[in-house]
Amino acid sequence: MIGEVIFVTGIDTNIGKTYATGYLAKRFAEEEGCSVITQKLIQTGNSGISEDIITHRKIMGTGLLPEDLDGTTCPIVLSYPASPHLAAQIDKSHINLKKIQKTTATLRKKYDITLIEGAGGIMTPLAENYTTLDYIKEQGFPVFIVTSPRLGSINHTLMTLEMCRYARIEVKGVVYNMFNVEDELICEATREYIKGYIEKHARSITWIEIIDGTVHAYGLS
């Protein structure tokens, strides 16, 4: 039986996707009894094993897995900390999407759920004239969108939701990752505005909050 794949994207870079992916994987495993693994679509600014995969495993409490050691969970690692298309140019490398697809297929044969963490936001270019959005749409993956309490998150979250709607990509949940609250007033106002937008325009989407490493999920329908 083939497992489910869910893509974890964000409204921007440095928005907390890595921590959200790890905590979501831990919740699926512990509370729903699923076999879960995470994958990193493309890792930049790194060499060897993906640093984001290492963070996932620390959060999940599993230690590195055989699929991490043989590169299955992150088949493309680029050295320069930039968007994948630029990092590939600098490394004089090529982003082989078929290689990524093959490793994802391997994981979904073994695990109930595979969470794929993207790089940057949903419109991050993977190649010239080809974005993460294009890849998600072609593969037919549903998504979790990771957002945060920082200033500007309302705009970026709504734009990401609208891009998914335009591309007919299913949004399973919006993850409000309160890992770095700098302004309590902005945090609460941002939370209520985005929740209100979802309740009005897309009530089937699950609202998820990560507070101090604990995942809280709320159905709005």
N, C-alpha and C. Protein backbone atom coordinates (compact mmCIF):
# COMPACT_ATOMS: atom_id res chain seq x y z
N MET A 1 0.84 -1.19 0.00
CA MET A 1 0.00 0.00 0.00
C MET A 1 0.89 1.25 0.00
N ILE A 2 0.54 2.22 -0.85
CA ILE A 2 1.35 3.42 -1.00
C ILE A 2 0.94 4.46 0.04
N GLY A 3 1.93 5.04 0.71
CA GLY A 3 1.67 6.02 1.74
C GLY A 3 1.35 7.40 1.18
N GLU A 4 0.91 8.28 2.08
CA GLU A 4 0.54 9.64 1.71
C GLU A 4 1.77 10.55 1.74
N VAL A 5 1.81 11.50 0.83
CA VAL A 5 2.86 12.51 0.81
C VAL A 5 2.23 13.88 1.01
N ILE A 6 2.77 14.65 1.94
CA ILE A 6 2.31 16.01 2.18
C ILE A 6 3.51 16.93 2.09
N PHE A 7 3.37 18.00 1.34
CA PHE A 7 4.46 18.95 1.15
C PHE A 7 4.33 20.07 2.18
N VAL A 8 5.42 20.39 2.86
CA VAL A 8 5.43 21.47 3.85
C VAL A 8 6.13 22.67 3.23
N THR A 9 5.35 23.69 2.92
CA THR A 9 5.90 24.90 2.34
C THR A 9 5.75 26.04 3.35
N GLY A 10 6.33 27.18 3.02
CA GLY A 10 6.26 28.31 3.94
C GLY A 10 5.93 29.59 3.21
N ILE A 11 5.65 30.62 3.97
CA ILE A 11 5.33 31.91 3.36
C ILE A 11 6.60 32.67 3.00
N ASP A 12 7.76 32.16 3.44
CA ASP A 12 9.02 32.86 3.21
C ASP A 12 10.15 31.93 3.65
N THR A 13 11.38 32.38 3.50
CA THR A 13 12.50 31.65 4.07
C THR A 13 12.64 32.01 5.55
N ASN A 14 13.30 31.14 6.32
CA ASN A 14 13.49 31.35 7.77
C ASN A 14 12.16 31.61 8.49
N ILE A 15 11.16 30.84 8.14
CA ILE A 15 9.83 31.01 8.73
C ILE A 15 9.51 29.91 9.74
N GLY A 16 10.42 28.91 9.84
CA GLY A 16 10.20 27.83 10.80
C GLY A 16 9.70 26.53 10.18
N LYS A 17 9.91 26.35 8.87
CA LYS A 17 9.44 25.13 8.21
C LYS A 17 10.09 23.88 8.79
N THR A 18 11.39 23.99 9.09
CA THR A 18 12.12 22.82 9.56
C THR A 18 11.57 22.33 10.90
N TYR A 19 11.37 23.27 11.82
CA TYR A 19 10.82 22.88 13.12
C TYR A 19 9.38 22.40 12.99
N ALA A 20 8.59 23.07 12.16
CA ALA A 20 7.20 22.66 11.95
C ALA A 20 7.14 21.25 11.37
N THR A 21 8.00 20.96 10.40
CA THR A 21 8.01 19.63 9.79
C THR A 21 8.35 18.56 10.82
N GLY A 22 9.35 18.84 11.63
CA GLY A 22 9.74 17.89 12.67
C GLY A 22 8.64 17.64 13.68
N TYR A 23 8.01 18.72 14.14
CA TYR A 23 6.95 18.57 15.14
C TYR A 23 5.69 17.92 14.57
N LEU A 24 5.37 18.22 13.31
CA LEU A 24 4.23 17.56 12.67
C LEU A 24 4.49 16.06 12.53
N ALA A 25 5.70 15.71 12.13
CA ALA A 25 6.05 14.30 12.01
C ALA A 25 5.95 13.59 13.35
N LYS A 26 6.43 14.24 14.39
CA LYS A 26 6.35 13.66 15.73
C LYS A 26 4.91 13.45 16.17
N ARG A 27 4.05 14.42 15.86
CA ARG A 27 2.64 14.30 16.24
C ARG A 27 1.96 13.17 15.50
N PHE A 28 2.19 13.07 14.20
CA PHE A 28 1.59 11.98 13.43
C PHE A 28 2.01 10.62 13.98
N ALA A 29 3.28 10.52 14.33
CA ALA A 29 3.80 9.24 14.82
C ALA A 29 3.26 8.89 16.20
N GLU A 30 3.23 9.87 17.11
CA GLU A 30 2.87 9.59 18.49
C GLU A 30 1.37 9.57 18.74
N GLU A 31 0.63 10.46 18.10
CA GLU A 31 -0.80 10.58 18.40
C GLU A 31 -1.69 9.82 17.43
N GLU A 32 -1.20 9.57 16.23
CA GLU A 32 -2.03 8.87 15.24
C GLU A 32 -1.48 7.49 14.90
N GLY A 33 -0.34 7.16 15.49
CA GLY A 33 0.22 5.83 15.31
C GLY A 33 0.69 5.52 13.90
N CYS A 34 1.06 6.54 13.15
CA CYS A 34 1.51 6.33 11.77
C CYS A 34 3.02 6.14 11.72
N SER A 35 3.46 5.42 10.71
CA SER A 35 4.90 5.41 10.43
C SER A 35 5.17 6.64 9.57
N VAL A 36 6.10 7.47 10.02
CA VAL A 36 6.31 8.78 9.41
C VAL A 36 7.78 9.00 9.13
N ILE A 37 8.06 9.61 8.00
CA ILE A 37 9.42 10.04 7.70
C ILE A 37 9.34 11.42 7.05
N THR A 38 10.41 12.15 7.15
CA THR A 38 10.49 13.46 6.50
C THR A 38 11.54 13.41 5.40
N GLN A 39 11.34 14.29 4.44
CA GLN A 39 12.30 14.42 3.35
C GLN A 39 12.53 15.91 3.11
N LYS A 40 13.72 16.28 2.73
CA LYS A 40 14.04 17.65 2.34
C LYS A 40 14.14 17.67 0.83
N LEU A 41 13.33 18.52 0.20
CA LEU A 41 13.29 18.57 -1.25
C LEU A 41 14.67 18.86 -1.82
N ILE A 42 15.26 19.96 -1.40
CA ILE A 42 16.61 20.37 -1.79
C ILE A 42 17.22 21.12 -0.62
N GLN A 43 18.43 20.78 -0.25
CA GLN A 43 19.12 21.48 0.84
C GLN A 43 20.21 22.36 0.26
N THR A 44 20.20 23.63 0.62
CA THR A 44 21.28 24.53 0.18
C THR A 44 22.07 25.00 1.40
N GLY A 45 23.27 25.52 1.13
CA GLY A 45 24.12 25.99 2.22
C GLY A 45 24.60 24.89 3.13
N ASN A 46 24.89 23.73 2.55
CA ASN A 46 25.15 22.55 3.37
C ASN A 46 26.06 21.59 2.60
N SER A 47 26.66 20.66 3.30
CA SER A 47 27.36 19.54 2.67
C SER A 47 27.09 18.31 3.52
N GLY A 48 27.15 17.16 2.90
CA GLY A 48 26.87 15.94 3.65
C GLY A 48 25.40 15.76 3.91
N ILE A 49 25.06 15.22 5.07
CA ILE A 49 23.66 15.00 5.43
C ILE A 49 22.97 16.34 5.66
N SER A 50 21.77 16.47 5.16
CA SER A 50 21.00 17.70 5.30
C SER A 50 20.86 18.12 6.76
N GLU A 51 21.21 19.37 7.06
CA GLU A 51 21.08 19.87 8.42
C GLU A 51 19.62 19.94 8.85
N ASP A 52 18.72 20.15 7.90
CA ASP A 52 17.30 20.19 8.24
C ASP A 52 16.79 18.80 8.61
N ILE A 53 17.25 17.78 7.90
CA ILE A 53 16.89 16.41 8.26
C ILE A 53 17.41 16.06 9.65
N ILE A 54 18.62 16.50 9.96
CA ILE A 54 19.18 16.26 11.31
C ILE A 54 18.29 16.89 12.37
N THR A 55 17.80 18.12 12.10
CA THR A 55 16.90 18.78 13.05
C THR A 55 15.59 18.02 13.18
N HIS A 56 15.03 17.55 12.05
CA HIS A 56 13.80 16.74 12.11
C HIS A 56 13.98 15.56 13.05
N ARG A 57 15.11 14.84 12.89
CA ARG A 57 15.31 13.62 13.68
C ARG A 57 15.48 13.93 15.16
N LYS A 58 16.12 15.06 15.47
CA LYS A 58 16.25 15.44 16.88
C LYS A 58 14.88 15.69 17.49
N ILE A 59 14.03 16.39 16.75
CA ILE A 59 12.68 16.67 17.25
C ILE A 59 11.88 15.38 17.37
N MET A 60 11.99 14.51 16.38
CA MET A 60 11.25 13.25 16.38
C MET A 60 11.80 12.26 17.40
N GLY A 61 13.06 12.46 17.80
CA GLY A 61 13.67 11.58 18.79
C GLY A 61 14.07 10.23 18.24
N THR A 62 14.37 10.16 16.95
CA THR A 62 14.67 8.87 16.32
C THR A 62 16.16 8.66 16.07
N GLY A 63 16.92 9.73 16.06
CA GLY A 63 18.28 9.61 15.56
C GLY A 63 18.25 9.46 14.05
N LEU A 64 19.41 9.53 13.43
CA LEU A 64 19.46 9.40 11.97
C LEU A 64 19.02 8.01 11.53
N LEU A 65 18.29 7.97 10.43
CA LEU A 65 17.75 6.73 9.89
C LEU A 65 18.60 6.26 8.72
N PRO A 66 18.49 4.99 8.35
CA PRO A 66 19.25 4.49 7.19
C PRO A 66 18.98 5.32 5.93
N GLU A 67 17.74 5.78 5.77
CA GLU A 67 17.39 6.58 4.60
C GLU A 67 18.06 7.96 4.60
N ASP A 68 18.46 8.40 5.79
CA ASP A 68 19.22 9.66 5.89
C ASP A 68 20.67 9.43 5.49
N LEU A 69 21.20 8.32 5.93
CA LEU A 69 22.62 8.03 5.71
C LEU A 69 22.92 7.74 4.24
N ASP A 70 21.92 7.17 3.51
CA ASP A 70 22.18 6.86 2.11
C ASP A 70 21.68 7.95 1.16
N GLY A 71 21.17 9.06 1.72
CA GLY A 71 20.78 10.20 0.89
C GLY A 71 19.36 10.17 0.37
N THR A 72 18.59 9.15 0.73
CA THR A 72 17.22 9.05 0.22
C THR A 72 16.35 10.21 0.69
N THR A 73 16.55 10.65 1.93
CA THR A 73 15.70 11.72 2.46
C THR A 73 16.13 13.12 2.03
N CYS A 74 17.28 13.22 1.38
CA CYS A 74 17.69 14.50 0.80
C CYS A 74 18.68 14.22 -0.32
N PRO A 75 18.17 13.92 -1.51
CA PRO A 75 19.05 13.50 -2.60
C PRO A 75 19.87 14.61 -3.24
N ILE A 76 19.51 15.86 -2.97
CA ILE A 76 20.25 16.98 -3.57
C ILE A 76 20.67 17.96 -2.47
N VAL A 77 21.97 18.08 -2.27
CA VAL A 77 22.55 19.00 -1.29
C VAL A 77 23.51 19.92 -2.03
N LEU A 78 23.29 21.22 -1.89
CA LEU A 78 24.10 22.22 -2.59
C LEU A 78 24.81 23.10 -1.56
N SER A 79 26.00 23.56 -1.90
CA SER A 79 26.86 24.18 -0.90
C SER A 79 26.52 25.64 -0.59
N TYR A 80 25.99 26.38 -1.56
CA TYR A 80 25.81 27.82 -1.35
C TYR A 80 24.44 28.11 -0.75
N PRO A 81 24.36 28.97 0.28
CA PRO A 81 23.07 29.29 0.92
C PRO A 81 22.25 30.28 0.09
N ALA A 82 21.59 29.76 -0.93
CA ALA A 82 20.80 30.60 -1.84
C ALA A 82 19.61 29.78 -2.32
N SER A 83 18.76 30.39 -3.14
CA SER A 83 17.65 29.64 -3.73
C SER A 83 18.23 28.50 -4.56
N PRO A 84 17.50 27.39 -4.67
CA PRO A 84 18.06 26.21 -5.34
C PRO A 84 18.60 26.46 -6.74
N HIS A 85 17.90 27.26 -7.53
CA HIS A 85 18.37 27.46 -8.91
C HIS A 85 19.72 28.18 -8.93
N LEU A 86 19.92 29.15 -8.03
CA LEU A 86 21.19 29.87 -7.96
C LEU A 86 22.28 29.00 -7.34
N ALA A 87 21.93 28.28 -6.28
CA ALA A 87 22.91 27.40 -5.63
C ALA A 87 23.42 26.35 -6.61
N ALA A 88 22.53 25.84 -7.45
CA ALA A 88 22.93 24.84 -8.45
C ALA A 88 23.88 25.45 -9.48
N GLN A 89 23.59 26.69 -9.89
CA GLN A 89 24.47 27.37 -10.83
C GLN A 89 25.87 27.57 -10.24
N ILE A 90 25.92 27.99 -8.99
CA ILE A 90 27.20 28.24 -8.33
C ILE A 90 28.00 26.94 -8.19
N ASP A 91 27.30 25.85 -7.87
CA ASP A 91 27.97 24.55 -7.72
C ASP A 91 28.22 23.87 -9.06
N LYS A 92 27.78 24.53 -10.16
CA LYS A 92 27.89 23.93 -11.49
C LYS A 92 27.23 22.54 -11.49
N SER A 93 26.03 22.54 -10.91
CA SER A 93 25.29 21.29 -10.75
C SER A 93 23.94 21.40 -11.45
N HIS A 94 23.22 20.31 -11.46
CA HIS A 94 21.89 20.25 -12.07
C HIS A 94 20.92 19.65 -11.09
N ILE A 95 19.77 20.30 -10.92
CA ILE A 95 18.75 19.77 -10.02
C ILE A 95 17.94 18.72 -10.78
N ASN A 96 18.16 17.48 -10.42
CA ASN A 96 17.52 16.35 -11.08
C ASN A 96 16.20 16.03 -10.38
N LEU A 97 15.11 16.56 -10.92
CA LEU A 97 13.81 16.37 -10.29
C LEU A 97 13.37 14.90 -10.32
N LYS A 98 13.77 14.17 -11.35
CA LYS A 98 13.40 12.76 -11.42
C LYS A 98 14.06 11.96 -10.29
N LYS A 99 15.26 12.38 -9.91
CA LYS A 99 15.93 11.73 -8.79
C LYS A 99 15.16 11.96 -7.50
N ILE A 100 14.66 13.19 -7.31
CA ILE A 100 13.85 13.50 -6.13
C ILE A 100 12.57 12.66 -6.13
N GLN A 101 11.91 12.60 -7.28
CA GLN A 101 10.67 11.83 -7.40
C GLN A 101 10.90 10.36 -7.07
N LYS A 102 12.01 9.83 -7.53
CA LYS A 102 12.32 8.42 -7.28
C LYS A 102 12.52 8.15 -5.80
N THR A 103 13.22 9.05 -5.10
CA THR A 103 13.45 8.83 -3.67
C THR A 103 12.16 8.99 -2.88
N THR A 104 11.31 9.92 -3.28
CA THR A 104 10.02 10.07 -2.62
C THR A 104 9.18 8.81 -2.79
N ALA A 105 9.20 8.26 -4.00
CA ALA A 105 8.44 7.02 -4.26
C ALA A 105 8.95 5.88 -3.39
N THR A 106 10.26 5.83 -3.17
CA THR A 106 10.85 4.81 -2.30
C THR A 106 10.34 4.95 -0.87
N LEU A 107 10.29 6.19 -0.39
CA LEU A 107 9.84 6.43 0.99
C LEU A 107 8.37 6.10 1.18
N ARG A 108 7.55 6.46 0.21
CA ARG A 108 6.11 6.25 0.39
C ARG A 108 5.72 4.78 0.31
N LYS A 109 6.59 3.94 -0.21
CA LYS A 109 6.34 2.50 -0.21
C LYS A 109 6.54 1.90 1.18
N LYS A 110 7.34 2.59 2.00
CA LYS A 110 7.69 2.05 3.32
C LYS A 110 6.94 2.73 4.46
N TYR A 111 6.59 4.01 4.29
CA TYR A 111 6.00 4.79 5.39
C TYR A 111 4.57 5.21 5.08
N ASP A 112 3.77 5.32 6.14
CA ASP A 112 2.39 5.78 5.98
C ASP A 112 2.33 7.22 5.50
N ILE A 113 3.20 8.06 6.06
CA ILE A 113 3.21 9.49 5.72
C ILE A 113 4.65 9.94 5.46
N THR A 114 4.84 10.64 4.36
CA THR A 114 6.11 11.29 4.07
C THR A 114 5.86 12.79 4.01
N LEU A 115 6.53 13.55 4.88
CA LEU A 115 6.43 15.01 4.87
C LEU A 115 7.65 15.56 4.15
N ILE A 116 7.42 16.30 3.07
CA ILE A 116 8.53 16.88 2.31
C ILE A 116 8.66 18.35 2.64
N GLU A 117 9.78 18.74 3.22
CA GLU A 117 10.02 20.16 3.49
C GLU A 117 10.63 20.83 2.27
N GLY A 118 10.01 21.92 1.84
CA GLY A 118 10.53 22.67 0.70
C GLY A 118 11.67 23.57 1.10
N ALA A 119 12.15 24.34 0.14
CA ALA A 119 13.20 25.33 0.37
C ALA A 119 12.62 26.71 0.11
N GLY A 120 12.61 27.57 1.12
CA GLY A 120 12.04 28.90 0.94
C GLY A 120 10.53 28.85 0.83
N GLY A 121 9.96 29.83 0.12
CA GLY A 121 8.53 29.91 -0.05
C GLY A 121 8.05 29.12 -1.26
N ILE A 122 6.75 29.17 -1.50
CA ILE A 122 6.17 28.32 -2.54
C ILE A 122 6.54 28.76 -3.96
N MET A 123 6.96 30.00 -4.12
CA MET A 123 7.36 30.47 -5.45
C MET A 123 8.88 30.47 -5.63
N THR A 124 9.59 29.81 -4.74
CA THR A 124 11.04 29.70 -4.86
C THR A 124 11.40 28.97 -6.16
N PRO A 125 12.29 29.53 -6.97
CA PRO A 125 12.65 28.87 -8.23
C PRO A 125 13.56 27.67 -8.02
N LEU A 126 13.21 26.57 -8.68
CA LEU A 126 14.06 25.38 -8.68
C LEU A 126 14.93 25.35 -9.94
N ALA A 127 14.47 26.05 -10.95
CA ALA A 127 15.21 26.19 -12.21
C ALA A 127 14.66 27.43 -12.90
N GLU A 128 15.21 27.79 -14.02
CA GLU A 128 14.68 28.93 -14.75
C GLU A 128 13.24 28.64 -15.17
N ASN A 129 12.34 29.55 -14.82
CA ASN A 129 10.93 29.43 -15.19
C ASN A 129 10.25 28.19 -14.62
N TYR A 130 10.75 27.71 -13.46
CA TYR A 130 10.13 26.54 -12.82
C TYR A 130 10.27 26.70 -11.31
N THR A 131 9.12 26.73 -10.63
CA THR A 131 9.10 27.02 -9.20
C THR A 131 8.67 25.81 -8.37
N THR A 132 8.78 25.97 -7.06
CA THR A 132 8.28 24.94 -6.15
C THR A 132 6.80 24.71 -6.37
N LEU A 133 6.05 25.76 -6.61
CA LEU A 133 4.63 25.63 -6.90
C LEU A 133 4.39 24.70 -8.09
N ASP A 134 5.18 24.87 -9.13
CA ASP A 134 5.05 24.01 -10.32
C ASP A 134 5.27 22.55 -9.96
N TYR A 135 6.29 22.31 -9.12
CA TYR A 135 6.61 20.93 -8.74
C TYR A 135 5.47 20.31 -7.91
N ILE A 136 4.99 21.06 -6.94
CA ILE A 136 3.89 20.56 -6.10
C ILE A 136 2.66 20.24 -6.95
N LYS A 137 2.34 21.12 -7.86
CA LYS A 137 1.17 20.92 -8.72
C LYS A 137 1.33 19.70 -9.60
N GLU A 138 2.51 19.55 -10.22
CA GLU A 138 2.75 18.40 -11.09
C GLU A 138 2.66 17.08 -10.34
N GLN A 139 3.14 17.08 -9.10
CA GLN A 139 3.13 15.84 -8.31
C GLN A 139 1.78 15.58 -7.64
N GLY A 140 0.94 16.59 -7.61
CA GLY A 140 -0.39 16.43 -7.00
C GLY A 140 -0.36 16.34 -5.48
N PHE A 141 0.63 16.97 -4.86
CA PHE A 141 0.77 16.90 -3.41
C PHE A 141 -0.14 17.92 -2.73
N PRO A 142 -0.79 17.55 -1.63
CA PRO A 142 -1.41 18.56 -0.76
C PRO A 142 -0.33 19.24 0.06
N VAL A 143 -0.65 20.36 0.68
CA VAL A 143 0.38 21.10 1.41
C VAL A 143 -0.07 21.51 2.81
N PHE A 144 0.92 21.67 3.67
CA PHE A 144 0.82 22.46 4.89
C PHE A 144 1.56 23.77 4.60
N ILE A 145 0.97 24.88 4.98
CA ILE A 145 1.61 26.19 4.83
C ILE A 145 2.06 26.66 6.20
N VAL A 146 3.34 26.92 6.35
CA VAL A 146 3.88 27.38 7.63
C VAL A 146 3.96 28.91 7.61
N THR A 147 3.36 29.52 8.62
CA THR A 147 3.42 30.97 8.78
C THR A 147 3.88 31.28 10.19
N SER A 148 3.97 32.58 10.51
CA SER A 148 4.53 32.95 11.80
C SER A 148 3.94 34.26 12.29
N PRO A 149 4.25 34.66 13.53
CA PRO A 149 3.70 35.92 14.07
C PRO A 149 4.45 37.17 13.64
N ARG A 150 5.46 37.05 12.78
CA ARG A 150 6.26 38.22 12.51
C ARG A 150 5.52 39.20 11.57
N LEU A 151 5.92 40.44 11.62
CA LEU A 151 5.31 41.48 10.81
C LEU A 151 5.45 41.13 9.32
N GLY A 152 4.36 41.22 8.58
CA GLY A 152 4.35 40.87 7.17
C GLY A 152 3.75 39.52 6.88
N SER A 153 3.51 38.74 7.93
CA SER A 153 3.01 37.38 7.73
C SER A 153 1.60 37.34 7.16
N ILE A 154 0.77 38.31 7.51
CA ILE A 154 -0.59 38.31 6.98
C ILE A 154 -0.56 38.37 5.45
N ASN A 155 0.16 39.34 4.94
CA ASN A 155 0.25 39.50 3.49
C ASN A 155 0.80 38.24 2.82
N HIS A 156 1.91 37.72 3.32
CA HIS A 156 2.55 36.57 2.69
C HIS A 156 1.68 35.31 2.80
N THR A 157 0.97 35.16 3.92
CA THR A 157 0.12 33.99 4.10
C THR A 157 -1.05 34.02 3.13
N LEU A 158 -1.70 35.16 3.03
CA LEU A 158 -2.85 35.26 2.13
C LEU A 158 -2.43 35.07 0.68
N MET A 159 -1.28 35.61 0.30
CA MET A 159 -0.80 35.42 -1.06
C MET A 159 -0.50 33.94 -1.34
N THR A 160 0.08 33.25 -0.36
CA THR A 160 0.38 31.83 -0.54
C THR A 160 -0.91 31.03 -0.67
N LEU A 161 -1.89 31.34 0.16
CA LEU A 161 -3.19 30.66 0.07
C LEU A 161 -3.83 30.89 -1.30
N GLU A 162 -3.76 32.12 -1.78
CA GLU A 162 -4.36 32.45 -3.07
C GLU A 162 -3.62 31.77 -4.22
N MET A 163 -2.30 31.66 -4.13
CA MET A 163 -1.54 30.96 -5.16
C MET A 163 -1.93 29.48 -5.20
N CYS A 164 -2.13 28.90 -4.04
CA CYS A 164 -2.56 27.49 -4.00
C CYS A 164 -3.96 27.34 -4.60
N ARG A 165 -4.83 28.26 -4.27
CA ARG A 165 -6.19 28.20 -4.83
C ARG A 165 -6.15 28.34 -6.34
N TYR A 166 -5.34 29.27 -6.83
CA TYR A 166 -5.20 29.49 -8.26
C TYR A 166 -4.67 28.24 -8.97
N ALA A 167 -3.71 27.58 -8.33
CA ALA A 167 -3.09 26.40 -8.92
C ALA A 167 -3.85 25.11 -8.61
N ARG A 168 -4.94 25.23 -7.86
CA ARG A 168 -5.76 24.08 -7.45
C ARG A 168 -4.95 23.06 -6.67
N ILE A 169 -4.17 23.58 -5.73
CA ILE A 169 -3.41 22.75 -4.81
C ILE A 169 -4.16 22.68 -3.49
N GLU A 170 -4.38 21.49 -3.00
CA GLU A 170 -5.11 21.31 -1.73
C GLU A 170 -4.27 21.78 -0.55
N VAL A 171 -4.83 22.64 0.27
CA VAL A 171 -4.17 23.06 1.51
C VAL A 171 -4.81 22.30 2.66
N LYS A 172 -4.04 21.40 3.26
CA LYS A 172 -4.56 20.61 4.37
C LYS A 172 -4.57 21.38 5.68
N GLY A 173 -3.60 22.27 5.83
CA GLY A 173 -3.51 23.02 7.09
C GLY A 173 -2.61 24.22 6.97
N VAL A 174 -2.90 25.21 7.80
CA VAL A 174 -2.01 26.37 7.97
C VAL A 174 -1.40 26.26 9.36
N VAL A 175 -0.09 26.28 9.42
CA VAL A 175 0.64 26.06 10.67
C VAL A 175 1.16 27.41 11.18
N TYR A 176 0.62 27.84 12.32
CA TYR A 176 1.06 29.09 12.94
C TYR A 176 2.15 28.75 13.94
N ASN A 177 3.39 29.00 13.55
CA ASN A 177 4.55 28.54 14.32
C ASN A 177 5.04 29.66 15.23
N MET A 178 4.68 29.59 16.50
CA MET A 178 5.03 30.63 17.45
C MET A 178 6.37 30.33 18.12
N PHE A 179 7.40 30.21 17.28
CA PHE A 179 8.73 29.88 17.80
C PHE A 179 9.52 31.12 18.17
N ASN A 180 9.10 32.27 17.68
CA ASN A 180 9.88 33.48 17.94
C ASN A 180 8.95 34.69 17.97
N VAL A 181 8.23 34.83 19.07
CA VAL A 181 7.28 35.93 19.21
C VAL A 181 8.01 37.17 19.71
N GLU A 182 8.07 38.19 18.87
CA GLU A 182 8.76 39.42 19.25
C GLU A 182 7.80 40.49 19.74
N ASP A 183 6.54 40.42 19.30
CA ASP A 183 5.55 41.42 19.67
C ASP A 183 4.23 40.70 19.91
N GLU A 184 3.78 40.64 21.15
CA GLU A 184 2.56 39.91 21.51
C GLU A 184 1.33 40.47 20.81
N LEU A 185 1.27 41.78 20.66
CA LEU A 185 0.11 42.40 20.00
C LEU A 185 0.04 41.98 18.54
N ILE A 186 1.17 42.05 17.83
CA ILE A 186 1.20 41.62 16.43
C ILE A 186 0.92 40.12 16.32
N CYS A 187 1.46 39.35 17.25
CA CYS A 187 1.24 37.91 17.25
C CYS A 187 -0.24 37.57 17.31
N GLU A 188 -0.95 38.16 18.26
CA GLU A 188 -2.37 37.85 18.44
C GLU A 188 -3.21 38.40 17.29
N ALA A 189 -2.90 39.61 16.84
CA ALA A 189 -3.66 40.21 15.74
C ALA A 189 -3.47 39.42 14.44
N THR A 190 -2.24 38.99 14.18
CA THR A 190 -1.95 38.20 12.99
C THR A 190 -2.67 36.87 13.04
N ARG A 191 -2.62 36.24 14.19
CA ARG A 191 -3.30 34.96 14.40
C ARG A 191 -4.79 35.08 14.11
N GLU A 192 -5.44 36.08 14.68
CA GLU A 192 -6.89 36.22 14.52
C GLU A 192 -7.27 36.60 13.09
N TYR A 193 -6.44 37.40 12.43
CA TYR A 193 -6.77 37.82 11.06
C TYR A 193 -6.68 36.63 10.10
N ILE A 194 -5.58 35.86 10.20
CA ILE A 194 -5.43 34.72 9.29
C ILE A 194 -6.50 33.67 9.57
N LYS A 195 -6.76 33.39 10.84
CA LYS A 195 -7.82 32.44 11.18
C LYS A 195 -9.16 32.90 10.62
N GLY A 196 -9.45 34.19 10.76
CA GLY A 196 -10.70 34.73 10.25
C GLY A 196 -10.80 34.60 8.74
N TYR A 197 -9.70 34.82 8.05
CA TYR A 197 -9.67 34.69 6.60
C TYR A 197 -9.97 33.25 6.18
N ILE A 198 -9.35 32.30 6.88
CA ILE A 198 -9.59 30.89 6.57
C ILE A 198 -11.03 30.50 6.85
N GLU A 199 -11.58 30.96 7.96
CA GLU A 199 -12.95 30.64 8.30
C GLU A 199 -13.93 31.16 7.25
N LYS A 200 -13.61 32.29 6.66
CA LYS A 200 -14.49 32.89 5.67
C LYS A 200 -14.31 32.27 4.28
N HIS A 201 -13.08 31.95 3.91
CA HIS A 201 -12.81 31.56 2.53
C HIS A 201 -12.48 30.08 2.34
N ALA A 202 -12.06 29.39 3.39
CA ALA A 202 -11.61 28.00 3.21
C ALA A 202 -11.75 27.23 4.51
N ARG A 203 -12.97 26.97 4.91
CA ARG A 203 -13.22 26.37 6.22
C ARG A 203 -12.75 24.92 6.34
N SER A 204 -12.44 24.29 5.22
CA SER A 204 -11.97 22.91 5.28
C SER A 204 -10.51 22.81 5.73
N ILE A 205 -9.80 23.92 5.72
CA ILE A 205 -8.40 23.93 6.12
C ILE A 205 -8.27 23.82 7.64
N THR A 206 -7.38 22.96 8.10
CA THR A 206 -7.13 22.82 9.53
C THR A 206 -6.18 23.92 10.01
N TRP A 207 -6.53 24.55 11.10
CA TRP A 207 -5.67 25.56 11.73
C TRP A 207 -4.80 24.85 12.76
N ILE A 208 -3.49 25.00 12.65
CA ILE A 208 -2.55 24.31 13.51
C ILE A 208 -1.64 25.33 14.19
N GLU A 209 -1.46 25.21 15.48
CA GLU A 209 -0.55 26.09 16.20
C GLU A 209 0.55 25.26 16.85
N ILE A 210 1.78 25.74 16.73
CA ILE A 210 2.90 25.11 17.43
C ILE A 210 3.38 26.07 18.50
N ILE A 211 3.18 25.67 19.74
CA ILE A 211 3.53 26.51 20.88
C ILE A 211 4.48 25.72 21.78
N ASP A 212 5.70 26.22 21.93
CA ASP A 212 6.71 25.56 22.78
C ASP A 212 6.87 24.08 22.43
N GLY A 213 6.86 23.78 21.14
CA GLY A 213 7.09 22.42 20.69
C GLY A 213 5.89 21.50 20.74
N THR A 214 4.72 22.03 21.09
CA THR A 214 3.51 21.22 21.13
C THR A 214 2.59 21.63 19.98
N VAL A 215 2.07 20.63 19.27
CA VAL A 215 1.20 20.88 18.12
C VAL A 215 -0.26 20.83 18.56
N HIS A 216 -0.99 21.89 18.26
CA HIS A 216 -2.43 21.96 18.55
C HIS A 216 -3.16 22.14 17.23
N ALA A 217 -4.07 21.23 16.89
CA ALA A 217 -4.80 21.29 15.63
C ALA A 217 -6.27 21.55 15.91
N TYR A 218 -6.85 22.46 15.13
CA TYR A 218 -8.25 22.85 15.29
C TYR A 218 -8.95 22.82 13.95
N GLY A 219 -10.01 22.01 13.83
CA GLY A 219 -10.82 22.04 12.63
C GLY A 219 -11.71 23.26 12.63
N LEU A 220 -11.80 23.94 11.52
CA LEU A 220 -12.63 25.16 11.44
C LEU A 220 -13.94 24.91 10.71
N SER A 221 -14.14 23.69 10.19
CA SER A 221 -15.35 23.43 9.45
C SER A 221 -16.47 22.98 10.37
